[in-house]
Amino acid sequence: AQAAFVSSSTVRSGDKSFAPSSSFTQIRIVQGASPTIGRNANLDSLLPLFGKKKKKDTTVGKSGKIQVKLLKHVAGTGQAGDVIMVAPAFFVNKLQKTGSAVRISDEEVAKDNAVKKEAEQEAKQAAEDLKFKLEQMGSLKLVKKAGPDGQLFGGIGYKNIFTELKNSGAFPKGALDAKWIKITGIKTAPASDDEGNEVKGEDIDGKHGIKATGDYIGTIALLKGVSADFKISIAPE
């Protein structure tokens, strides 16, 4: 194999000779092979030749738009947490300037989605645990002032029932504090008529609440797609 060797010593070219500068890189080149860098080579000078391929920017789409994650609601654009594609100028001049969004790569999106999925699974399990406790706890008993006919002196609204439920001691502190947890309905408990046929409960107006003593069934939303029924018993003082 033919080879050429260049070093920091004097190099002769035809009838002329020259002495390479001190920064001259020592390289041994063999025909048909990759260059071999000498022991005293200046590696910095070879970076353009041997540098790694630049990593693809996954925040830029084929259309030239860039991928961003919204940090807060932006009218006409999206909600906090949304991942969208926007024009670079819109990102720089509005979203970035107002702290409304940050650029996000495909890898970061995948990581965010994995974390979100795990959190959703934990929330659903917690809701299912609450549902089981609600359905097994028996009646939520309240004692209120009432007249001889069982009519209460003032109604008991959804918020009153919810407060009593939270203070019942049947659940860990803070278990019912999530903003999406709320009572969505109350009915009178099913009963039987004189012939023994079951009579379905009647809906209680949420605005006026429970007006009389007796047994009721409350429905509480614990999470999207997860709700539970629980018993309520109102007795006179």
C-alpha atoms as a PDB file:
ATOM      1  CA  ALA A   1       0.000   0.000   0.000  1.00  0.00           C
ATOM      2  CA  GLN A   2       1.251   3.476  -0.779  1.00  0.00           C
ATOM      3  CA  ALA A   3       1.492   5.855   2.127  1.00  0.00           C
ATOM      4  CA  ALA A   4       2.379   9.454   2.772  1.00  0.00           C
ATOM      5  CA  PHE A   5       3.566  10.673   6.139  1.00  0.00           C
ATOM      6  CA  VAL A   6       3.383  14.318   7.178  1.00  0.00           C
ATOM      7  CA  SER A   7       4.997  15.472  10.394  1.00  0.00           C
ATOM      8  CA  SER A   8       6.189  18.630  12.025  1.00  0.00           C
ATOM      9  CA  SER A   9       9.696  18.146  10.562  1.00  0.00           C
ATOM     10  CA  THR A  10      10.827  19.735   7.282  1.00  0.00           C
ATOM     11  CA  VAL A  11       8.885  18.526   4.255  1.00  0.00           C
ATOM     12  CA  ARG A  12      10.571  18.471   0.800  1.00  0.00           C
ATOM     13  CA  SER A  13       8.403  19.186  -2.239  1.00  0.00           C
ATOM     14  CA  GLY A  14      10.261  18.987  -5.586  1.00  0.00           C
ATOM     15  CA  ASP A  15      13.291  21.303  -5.332  1.00  0.00           C
ATOM     16  CA  LYS A  16      11.781  23.322  -2.514  1.00  0.00           C
ATOM     17  CA  SER A  17      11.445  22.589   1.168  1.00  0.00           C
ATOM     18  CA  PHE A  18       9.328  24.145   3.911  1.00  0.00           C
ATOM     19  CA  ALA A  19       8.923  23.699   7.625  1.00  0.00           C
ATOM     20  CA  PRO A  20       5.297  23.262   8.726  1.00  0.00           C
ATOM     21  CA  SER A  21       4.024  25.504  11.475  1.00  0.00           C
ATOM     22  CA  SER A  22       3.808  24.219  15.045  1.00  0.00           C
ATOM     23  CA  SER A  23       0.076  23.650  14.588  1.00  0.00           C
ATOM     24  CA  PHE A  24       0.618  21.370  11.603  1.00  0.00           C
ATOM     25  CA  THR A  25      -1.169  18.068  12.280  1.00  0.00           C
ATOM     26  CA  GLN A  26       0.703  14.801  12.052  1.00  0.00           C
ATOM     27  CA  ILE A  27      -1.371  12.410   9.895  1.00  0.00           C
ATOM     28  CA  ARG A  28      -0.435   9.185   8.210  1.00  0.00           C
ATOM     29  CA  ILE A  29      -2.501   8.532   5.066  1.00  0.00           C
ATOM     30  CA  VAL A  30      -2.597   5.062   3.541  1.00  0.00           C
ATOM     31  CA  GLN A  31      -4.239   4.586   0.155  1.00  0.00           C
ATOM     32  CA  GLY A  32      -7.609   2.822   0.554  1.00  0.00           C
ATOM     33  CA  ALA A  33      -7.691   3.346   4.329  1.00  0.00           C
ATOM     34  CA  SER A  34      -8.894   5.996   6.732  1.00  0.00           C
ATOM     35  CA  PRO A  35      -6.385   8.618   7.898  1.00  0.00           C
ATOM     36  CA  THR A  36      -4.422   7.714  11.010  1.00  0.00           C
ATOM     37  CA  ILE A  37      -3.955  10.512  13.512  1.00  0.00           C
ATOM     38  CA  GLY A  38      -0.500  10.761  14.980  1.00  0.00           C
ATOM     39  CA  ARG A  39       0.214  10.786  18.698  1.00  0.00           C
ATOM     40  CA  ASN A  40       0.911  14.515  18.760  1.00  0.00           C
ATOM     41  CA  ALA A  41      -1.959  15.520  16.481  1.00  0.00           C
ATOM     42  CA  ASN A  42      -4.019  18.616  17.217  1.00  0.00           C
ATOM     43  CA  LEU A  43      -7.471  17.002  17.560  1.00  0.00           C
ATOM     44  CA  ASP A  44      -9.349  20.318  17.657  1.00  0.00           C
ATOM     45  CA  SER A  45      -8.282  21.035  14.082  1.00  0.00           C
ATOM     46  CA  LEU A  46      -9.860  17.747  12.927  1.00  0.00           C
ATOM     47  CA  LEU A  47     -13.348  18.226  14.396  1.00  0.00           C
ATOM     48  CA  PRO A  48     -14.905  19.407  11.112  1.00  0.00           C
ATOM     49  CA  LEU A  49     -13.495  16.305   9.394  1.00  0.00           C
ATOM     50  CA  PHE A  50     -14.286  13.706  12.059  1.00  0.00           C
ATOM     51  CA  GLY A  51     -17.165  15.425  13.924  1.00  0.00           C
ATOM     52  CA  LYS A  52     -20.414  13.554  14.686  1.00  0.00           C
ATOM     53  CA  LYS A  53     -23.530  14.079  12.630  1.00  0.00           C
ATOM     54  CA  LYS A  54     -25.768  16.778  14.088  1.00  0.00           C
ATOM     55  CA  LYS A  55     -28.780  15.385  15.963  1.00  0.00           C
ATOM     56  CA  LYS A  56     -32.115  15.992  14.261  1.00  0.00           C
ATOM     57  CA  ASP A  57     -34.235  18.707  15.874  1.00  0.00           C
ATOM     58  CA  THR A  58     -37.563  16.959  16.535  1.00  0.00           C
ATOM     59  CA  THR A  59     -39.242  20.224  17.523  1.00  0.00           C
ATOM     60  CA  VAL A  60     -39.363  21.311  13.872  1.00  0.00           C
ATOM     61  CA  GLY A  61     -41.984  19.833  11.532  1.00  0.00           C
ATOM     62  CA  LYS A  62     -41.825  19.312   7.774  1.00  0.00           C
ATOM     63  CA  SER A  63     -43.879  22.461   7.228  1.00  0.00           C
ATOM     64  CA  GLY A  64     -41.352  24.581   9.085  1.00  0.00           C
ATOM     65  CA  LYS A  65     -43.622  24.957  12.092  1.00  0.00           C
ATOM     66  CA  ILE A  66     -42.246  24.180  15.530  1.00  0.00           C
ATOM     67  CA  GLN A  67     -43.648  21.951  18.245  1.00  0.00           C
ATOM     68  CA  VAL A  68     -44.464  23.652  21.542  1.00  0.00           C
ATOM     69  CA  LYS A  69     -46.199  22.870  24.817  1.00  0.00           C
ATOM     70  CA  LEU A  70     -48.625  25.446  26.173  1.00  0.00           C
ATOM     71  CA  LEU A  71     -48.023  26.452  29.782  1.00  0.00           C
ATOM     72  CA  LYS A  72     -51.359  28.233  30.134  1.00  0.00           C
ATOM     73  CA  HIS A  73     -54.593  28.889  28.272  1.00  0.00           C
ATOM     74  CA  VAL A  74     -54.160  30.938  25.110  1.00  0.00           C
ATOM     75  CA  ALA A  75     -57.395  32.102  23.494  1.00  0.00           C
ATOM     76  CA  GLY A  76     -57.819  30.644  20.027  1.00  0.00           C
ATOM     77  CA  THR A  77     -54.732  28.454  20.440  1.00  0.00           C
ATOM     78  CA  GLY A  78     -55.249  25.878  23.189  1.00  0.00           C
ATOM     79  CA  GLN A  79     -55.268  24.938  26.856  1.00  0.00           C
ATOM     80  CA  ALA A  80     -52.390  24.479  29.289  1.00  0.00           C
ATOM     81  CA  GLY A  81     -50.628  21.178  28.593  1.00  0.00           C
ATOM     82  CA  ASP A  82     -51.591  21.045  24.906  1.00  0.00           C
ATOM     83  CA  VAL A  83     -48.781  20.145  22.473  1.00  0.00           C
ATOM     84  CA  ILE A  84     -49.272  21.979  19.171  1.00  0.00           C
ATOM     85  CA  MET A  85     -47.401  23.090  16.042  1.00  0.00           C
ATOM     86  CA  VAL A  86     -47.074  26.847  15.507  1.00  0.00           C
ATOM     87  CA  ALA A  87     -45.224  29.222  13.217  1.00  0.00           C
ATOM     88  CA  PRO A  88     -41.784  30.211  14.585  1.00  0.00           C
ATOM     89  CA  ALA A  89     -42.707  33.917  14.483  1.00  0.00           C
ATOM     90  CA  PHE A  90     -45.880  33.316  16.518  1.00  0.00           C
ATOM     91  CA  PHE A  91     -43.886  31.396  19.113  1.00  0.00           C
ATOM     92  CA  VAL A  92     -41.145  34.004  19.431  1.00  0.00           C
ATOM     93  CA  ASN A  93     -43.308  37.127  19.260  1.00  0.00           C
ATOM     94  CA  LYS A  94     -46.217  35.973  21.424  1.00  0.00           C
ATOM     95  CA  LEU A  95     -46.011  32.608  23.149  1.00  0.00           C
ATOM     96  CA  GLN A  96     -42.403  32.774  24.318  1.00  0.00           C
ATOM     97  CA  LYS A  97     -42.534  36.475  25.129  1.00  0.00           C
ATOM     98  CA  THR A  98     -45.579  36.020  27.386  1.00  0.00           C
ATOM     99  CA  GLY A  99     -44.312  32.817  28.985  1.00  0.00           C
ATOM    100  CA  SER A 100     -47.209  30.904  27.468  1.00  0.00           C
ATOM    101  CA  ALA A 101     -45.279  28.043  25.855  1.00  0.00           C
ATOM    102  CA  VAL A 102     -41.940  26.265  25.537  1.00  0.00           C
ATOM    103  CA  ARG A 103     -40.468  24.215  22.714  1.00  0.00           C
ATOM    104  CA  ILE A 104     -40.749  20.477  23.264  1.00  0.00           C
ATOM    105  CA  SER A 105     -39.169  17.532  21.451  1.00  0.00           C
ATOM    106  CA  ASP A 106     -40.808  14.232  20.503  1.00  0.00           C
ATOM    107  CA  GLU A 107     -38.803  12.518  23.245  1.00  0.00           C
ATOM    108  CA  GLU A 108     -40.093  14.972  25.856  1.00  0.00           C
ATOM    109  CA  VAL A 109     -43.663  14.509  24.614  1.00  0.00           C
ATOM    110  CA  ALA A 110     -43.335  10.737  25.014  1.00  0.00           C
ATOM    111  CA  LYS A 111     -41.966  11.193  28.538  1.00  0.00           C
ATOM    112  CA  ASP A 112     -44.793  13.584  29.468  1.00  0.00           C
ATOM    113  CA  ASN A 113     -47.378  11.144  28.118  1.00  0.00           C
ATOM    114  CA  ALA A 114     -45.910   8.290  30.159  1.00  0.00           C
ATOM    115  CA  VAL A 115     -46.022  10.376  33.346  1.00  0.00           C
ATOM    116  CA  LYS A 116     -49.580  11.493  32.565  1.00  0.00           C
ATOM    117  CA  LYS A 117     -50.732   7.923  31.954  1.00  0.00           C
ATOM    118  CA  GLU A 118     -49.258   6.775  35.253  1.00  0.00           C
ATOM    119  CA  ALA A 119     -50.961   9.643  37.121  1.00  0.00           C
ATOM    120  CA  GLU A 120     -54.306   8.817  35.479  1.00  0.00           C
ATOM    121  CA  GLN A 121     -54.015   5.175  36.521  1.00  0.00           C
ATOM    122  CA  GLU A 122     -53.247   6.191  40.122  1.00  0.00           C
ATOM    123  CA  ALA A 123     -56.197   8.613  40.179  1.00  0.00           C
ATOM    124  CA  LYS A 124     -58.572   5.963  38.845  1.00  0.00           C
ATOM    125  CA  GLN A 125     -57.441   3.454  41.439  1.00  0.00           C
ATOM    126  CA  ALA A 126     -57.942   6.032  44.200  1.00  0.00           C
ATOM    127  CA  ALA A 127     -61.462   6.768  42.872  1.00  0.00           C
ATOM    128  CA  GLU A 128     -62.323   3.068  42.795  1.00  0.00           C
ATOM    129  CA  ASP A 129     -61.121   2.718  46.393  1.00  0.00           C
ATOM    130  CA  LEU A 130     -63.346   5.638  47.455  1.00  0.00           C
ATOM    131  CA  LYS A 131     -66.295   4.117  45.618  1.00  0.00           C
ATOM    132  CA  PHE A 132     -65.901   0.854  47.505  1.00  0.00           C
ATOM    133  CA  LYS A 133     -65.759   2.653  50.869  1.00  0.00           C
ATOM    134  CA  LEU A 134     -68.815   4.786  50.055  1.00  0.00           C
ATOM    135  CA  GLU A 135     -70.894   1.789  49.063  1.00  0.00           C
ATOM    136  CA  GLN A 136     -69.856  -0.155  52.151  1.00  0.00           C
ATOM    137  CA  MET A 137     -70.068   2.534  54.834  1.00  0.00           C
ATOM    138  CA  GLY A 138     -73.798   2.259  55.599  1.00  0.00           C
ATOM    139  CA  SER A 139     -76.009   5.335  55.940  1.00  0.00           C
ATOM    140  CA  LEU A 140     -74.765   8.865  56.469  1.00  0.00           C
ATOM    141  CA  LYS A 141     -76.929   9.829  59.448  1.00  0.00           C
ATOM    142  CA  LEU A 142     -77.993  13.414  60.075  1.00  0.00           C
ATOM    143  CA  VAL A 143     -80.213  14.692  62.887  1.00  0.00           C
ATOM    144  CA  LYS A 144     -82.156  17.888  62.199  1.00  0.00           C
ATOM    145  CA  LYS A 145     -85.019  19.838  63.733  1.00  0.00           C
ATOM    146  CA  ALA A 146     -88.356  18.848  62.221  1.00  0.00           C
ATOM    147  CA  GLY A 147     -92.060  19.354  62.785  1.00  0.00           C
ATOM    148  CA  PRO A 148     -94.578  16.647  63.765  1.00  0.00           C
ATOM    149  CA  ASP A 149     -95.122  15.796  60.105  1.00  0.00           C
ATOM    150  CA  GLY A 150     -91.420  15.274  59.489  1.00  0.00           C
ATOM    151  CA  GLN A 151     -90.920  18.518  57.611  1.00  0.00           C
ATOM    152  CA  LEU A 152     -87.496  20.007  58.313  1.00  0.00           C
ATOM    153  CA  PHE A 153     -86.993  23.552  59.530  1.00  0.00           C
ATOM    154  CA  GLY A 154     -84.893  24.499  56.510  1.00  0.00           C
ATOM    155  CA  GLY A 155     -83.646  22.338  53.673  1.00  0.00           C
ATOM    156  CA  ILE A 156     -80.440  20.288  53.485  1.00  0.00           C
ATOM    157  CA  GLY A 157     -78.636  21.047  50.232  1.00  0.00           C
ATOM    158  CA  TYR A 158     -76.018  19.140  48.279  1.00  0.00           C
ATOM    159  CA  LYS A 159     -73.211  21.173  49.835  1.00  0.00           C
ATOM    160  CA  ASN A 160     -74.467  20.406  53.347  1.00  0.00           C
ATOM    161  CA  ILE A 161     -74.548  16.689  52.582  1.00  0.00           C
ATOM    162  CA  PHE A 162     -71.071  16.829  51.067  1.00  0.00           C
ATOM    163  CA  THR A 163     -69.682  18.620  54.130  1.00  0.00           C
ATOM    164  CA  GLU A 164     -71.246  16.046  56.445  1.00  0.00           C
ATOM    165  CA  LEU A 165     -69.778  13.269  54.293  1.00  0.00           C
ATOM    166  CA  LYS A 166     -66.273  14.738  54.481  1.00  0.00           C
ATOM    167  CA  ASN A 167     -66.576  15.155  58.254  1.00  0.00           C
ATOM    168  CA  SER A 168     -67.994  11.665  58.835  1.00  0.00           C
ATOM    169  CA  GLY A 169     -64.581  10.196  59.577  1.00  0.00           C
ATOM    170  CA  ALA A 170     -65.154   7.397  57.069  1.00  0.00           C
ATOM    171  CA  PHE A 171     -62.416   8.630  54.749  1.00  0.00           C
ATOM    172  CA  PRO A 172     -58.772   9.733  55.098  1.00  0.00           C
ATOM    173  CA  LYS A 173     -58.313  13.473  55.500  1.00  0.00           C
ATOM    174  CA  GLY A 174     -58.303  15.203  52.096  1.00  0.00           C
ATOM    175  CA  ALA A 175     -59.635  12.141  50.230  1.00  0.00           C
ATOM    176  CA  LEU A 176     -62.681  14.087  49.014  1.00  0.00           C
ATOM    177  CA  ASP A 177     -60.946  17.431  48.444  1.00  0.00           C
ATOM    178  CA  ALA A 178     -60.354  17.154  44.693  1.00  0.00           C
ATOM    179  CA  LYS A 179     -62.287  19.856  42.817  1.00  0.00           C
ATOM    180  CA  TRP A 180     -64.007  17.346  40.514  1.00  0.00           C
ATOM    181  CA  ILE A 181     -65.505  15.379  43.425  1.00  0.00           C
ATOM    182  CA  LYS A 182     -69.067  16.538  44.053  1.00  0.00           C
ATOM    183  CA  ILE A 183     -72.570  15.307  44.708  1.00  0.00           C
ATOM    184  CA  THR A 184     -74.487  15.155  41.447  1.00  0.00           C
ATOM    185  CA  GLY A 185     -77.882  13.973  42.662  1.00  0.00           C
ATOM    186  CA  ILE A 186     -80.082  12.895  45.577  1.00  0.00           C
ATOM    187  CA  LYS A 187     -83.218  10.777  45.414  1.00  0.00           C
ATOM    188  CA  THR A 188     -85.672   9.469  47.929  1.00  0.00           C
ATOM    189  CA  ALA A 189     -84.905   5.848  48.719  1.00  0.00           C
ATOM    190  CA  PRO A 190     -86.908   3.244  46.783  1.00  0.00           C
ATOM    191  CA  ALA A 191     -90.025   2.127  48.629  1.00  0.00           C
ATOM    192  CA  SER A 192     -92.876  -0.324  48.216  1.00  0.00           C
ATOM    193  CA  ASP A 193     -96.532   0.476  47.671  1.00  0.00           C
ATOM    194  CA  ASP A 194     -99.459  -1.219  49.381  1.00  0.00           C
ATOM    195  CA  GLU A 195     -99.294  -4.076  46.899  1.00  0.00           C
ATOM    196  CA  GLY A 196     -95.598  -4.667  47.454  1.00  0.00           C
ATOM    197  CA  ASN A 197     -94.457  -3.140  44.196  1.00  0.00           C
ATOM    198  CA  GLU A 198     -91.239  -1.155  44.271  1.00  0.00           C
ATOM    199  CA  VAL A 199     -91.605   2.577  43.797  1.00  0.00           C
ATOM    200  CA  LYS A 200     -88.570   4.341  42.387  1.00  0.00           C
ATOM    201  CA  GLY A 201     -87.145   7.250  44.307  1.00  0.00           C
ATOM    202  CA  GLU A 202     -87.928  10.819  43.316  1.00  0.00           C
ATOM    203  CA  ASP A 203     -85.229  13.354  42.473  1.00  0.00           C
ATOM    204  CA  ILE A 204     -84.532  16.016  45.069  1.00  0.00           C
ATOM    205  CA  ASP A 205     -84.147  19.528  43.701  1.00  0.00           C
ATOM    206  CA  GLY A 206     -80.556  20.535  44.263  1.00  0.00           C
ATOM    207  CA  LYS A 207     -81.512  24.160  44.792  1.00  0.00           C
ATOM    208  CA  HIS A 208     -83.915  23.523  47.683  1.00  0.00           C
ATOM    209  CA  GLY A 209     -82.414  20.295  48.994  1.00  0.00           C
ATOM    210  CA  ILE A 210     -83.953  17.702  51.297  1.00  0.00           C
ATOM    211  CA  LYS A 211     -87.110  19.018  53.011  1.00  0.00           C
ATOM    212  CA  ALA A 212     -88.248  16.061  55.104  1.00  0.00           C
ATOM    213  CA  THR A 213     -86.930  13.301  57.327  1.00  0.00           C
ATOM    214  CA  GLY A 214     -86.473   9.860  55.807  1.00  0.00           C
ATOM    215  CA  ASP A 215     -84.057   7.796  53.755  1.00  0.00           C
ATOM    216  CA  TYR A 216     -82.349   8.998  50.618  1.00  0.00           C
ATOM    217  CA  ILE A 217     -79.761   7.884  48.059  1.00  0.00           C
ATOM    218  CA  GLY A 218     -76.987  10.287  47.090  1.00  0.00           C
ATOM    219  CA  THR A 219     -74.792  10.041  43.990  1.00  0.00           C
ATOM    220  CA  ILE A 220     -71.273  11.430  44.052  1.00  0.00           C
ATOM    221  CA  ALA A 221     -68.883  11.867  41.116  1.00  0.00           C
ATOM    222  CA  LEU A 222     -65.376  10.733  42.063  1.00  0.00           C
ATOM    223  CA  LEU A 223     -63.660  10.941  38.672  1.00  0.00           C
ATOM    224  CA  LYS A 224     -64.701  10.993  35.039  1.00  0.00           C
ATOM    225  CA  GLY A 225     -66.506   7.705  34.520  1.00  0.00           C
ATOM    226  CA  VAL A 226     -66.441   6.775  38.224  1.00  0.00           C
ATOM    227  CA  SER A 227     -69.339   7.557  40.569  1.00  0.00           C
ATOM    228  CA  ALA A 228     -70.859   5.955  43.646  1.00  0.00           C
ATOM    229  CA  ASP A 229     -74.207   5.822  45.407  1.00  0.00           C
ATOM    230  CA  PHE A 230     -74.433   6.165  49.180  1.00  0.00           C
ATOM    231  CA  LYS A 231     -77.250   6.095  51.701  1.00  0.00           C
ATOM    232  CA  ILE A 232     -78.459   9.137  53.650  1.00  0.00           C
ATOM    233  CA  SER A 233     -80.742   8.960  56.672  1.00  0.00           C
ATOM    234  CA  ILE A 234     -82.362  12.128  58.074  1.00  0.00           C
ATOM    235  CA  ALA A 235     -83.855  11.794  61.552  1.00  0.00           C
ATOM    236  CA  PRO A 236     -85.661  14.394  63.728  1.00  0.00           C
ATOM    237  CA  GLU A 237     -84.015  15.725  66.887  1.00  0.00           C
END
